[in-house]
């Protein structure tokens, strides 16, 4: 697997979200994509971007961001 820096992954995810925001209304209008599916996909892409932003900040040593992200990840790991 290629080693792609997190900042480049984040930039790619942002471009992908922008593309989907432009494309999905046309797909919904033509009946090739359900509105609820479009909304779900956009929400998932936004979640990916938020996760990557947190990881980039943690890598940069953001003020408290790394600790916040680690605490959240730890809580999620504890949940069933």
Protein backbone atom coordinates (compact mmCIF):
# COMPACT_ATOMS: atom_id res chain seq x y z
CA UNK A 1 0.00 0.00 0.00
CA UNK A 2 1.44 3.39 -0.93
CA UNK A 3 2.37 5.71 1.90
CA UNK A 4 0.23 8.81 1.32
CA UNK A 5 0.63 11.61 3.87
CA UNK A 6 -2.50 12.48 5.85
CA UNK A 7 -2.53 16.07 4.57
CA UNK A 8 -2.72 14.76 0.99
CA UNK A 9 -5.46 12.29 1.94
CA UNK A 10 -7.39 15.19 3.47
CA UNK A 11 -6.99 17.32 0.35
CA UNK A 12 -8.19 14.42 -1.81
CA UNK A 13 -11.23 13.84 0.41
CA UNK A 14 -12.12 17.54 0.20
CA UNK A 15 -11.92 17.43 -3.60
CA UNK A 16 -14.08 14.30 -3.63
CA UNK A 17 -16.71 15.97 -1.43
CA UNK A 18 -16.78 19.02 -3.72
CA UNK A 19 -17.23 16.75 -6.74
CA UNK A 20 -20.07 14.85 -5.09
CA UNK A 21 -21.79 18.08 -4.06
CA UNK A 22 -21.81 19.13 -7.72
CA UNK A 23 -22.71 15.73 -9.15
CA UNK A 24 -25.32 14.33 -6.77
CA UNK A 25 -28.12 16.82 -7.53
CA UNK A 26 -27.97 15.78 -11.20
CA UNK A 27 -28.00 12.09 -10.30
CA UNK A 28 -30.97 12.60 -7.97
CA UNK A 29 -32.82 14.64 -10.61
CA UNK A 30 -32.34 11.86 -13.16
CA UNK A 31 -33.43 9.16 -10.72
CA UNK A 32 -30.09 7.33 -10.66
CA UNK A 33 -29.44 8.19 -7.01
CA UNK A 34 -31.95 8.30 -4.18
CA UNK A 35 -31.97 11.52 -2.16
CA UNK A 36 -31.47 9.64 1.12
CA UNK A 37 -28.48 7.81 -0.36
CA UNK A 38 -26.98 11.09 -1.55
CA UNK A 39 -27.42 12.64 1.91
CA UNK A 40 -25.91 9.59 3.61
CA UNK A 41 -22.92 9.55 1.26
CA UNK A 42 -22.26 13.26 1.79
CA UNK A 43 -22.50 12.84 5.55
CA UNK A 44 -20.05 9.95 5.42
CA UNK A 45 -17.58 11.95 3.32
CA UNK A 46 -17.85 14.86 5.75
CA UNK A 47 -17.11 12.45 8.60
CA UNK A 48 -14.03 11.17 6.77
CA UNK A 49 -12.84 14.76 6.34
CA UNK A 50 -13.41 15.52 10.03
CA UNK A 51 -11.45 12.41 11.03
CA UNK A 52 -8.58 13.28 8.71
CA UNK A 53 -8.53 16.87 9.98
CA UNK A 54 -8.18 15.56 13.53
CA UNK A 55 -5.35 13.26 12.51
CA UNK A 56 -3.54 16.04 10.63
CA UNK A 57 -3.85 18.33 13.65
CA UNK A 58 -2.57 15.58 15.94
CA UNK A 59 0.39 15.04 13.61
CA UNK A 60 1.18 18.75 13.70
CA UNK A 61 0.98 18.74 17.48
CA UNK A 62 -2.13 20.90 17.51
CA UNK A 63 -2.89 22.51 20.83
CA UNK A 64 -4.89 19.84 22.62
CA UNK A 65 -6.25 18.38 19.39
CA UNK A 66 -4.23 15.18 19.60
CA UNK A 67 -5.30 14.50 23.15
CA UNK A 68 -8.93 15.21 22.30
CA UNK A 69 -8.80 12.86 19.32
CA UNK A 70 -7.10 10.11 21.34
CA UNK A 71 -9.66 10.43 24.12
CA UNK A 72 -12.52 10.15 21.63
CA UNK A 73 -10.90 7.14 19.95
CA UNK A 74 -10.42 5.51 23.34
CA UNK A 75 -14.08 5.96 24.27
CA UNK A 76 -15.19 4.50 20.95
CA UNK A 77 -12.95 1.48 21.45
CA UNK A 78 -14.57 0.84 24.84
CA UNK A 79 -18.12 0.87 23.47
CA UNK A 80 -19.60 -2.52 22.54
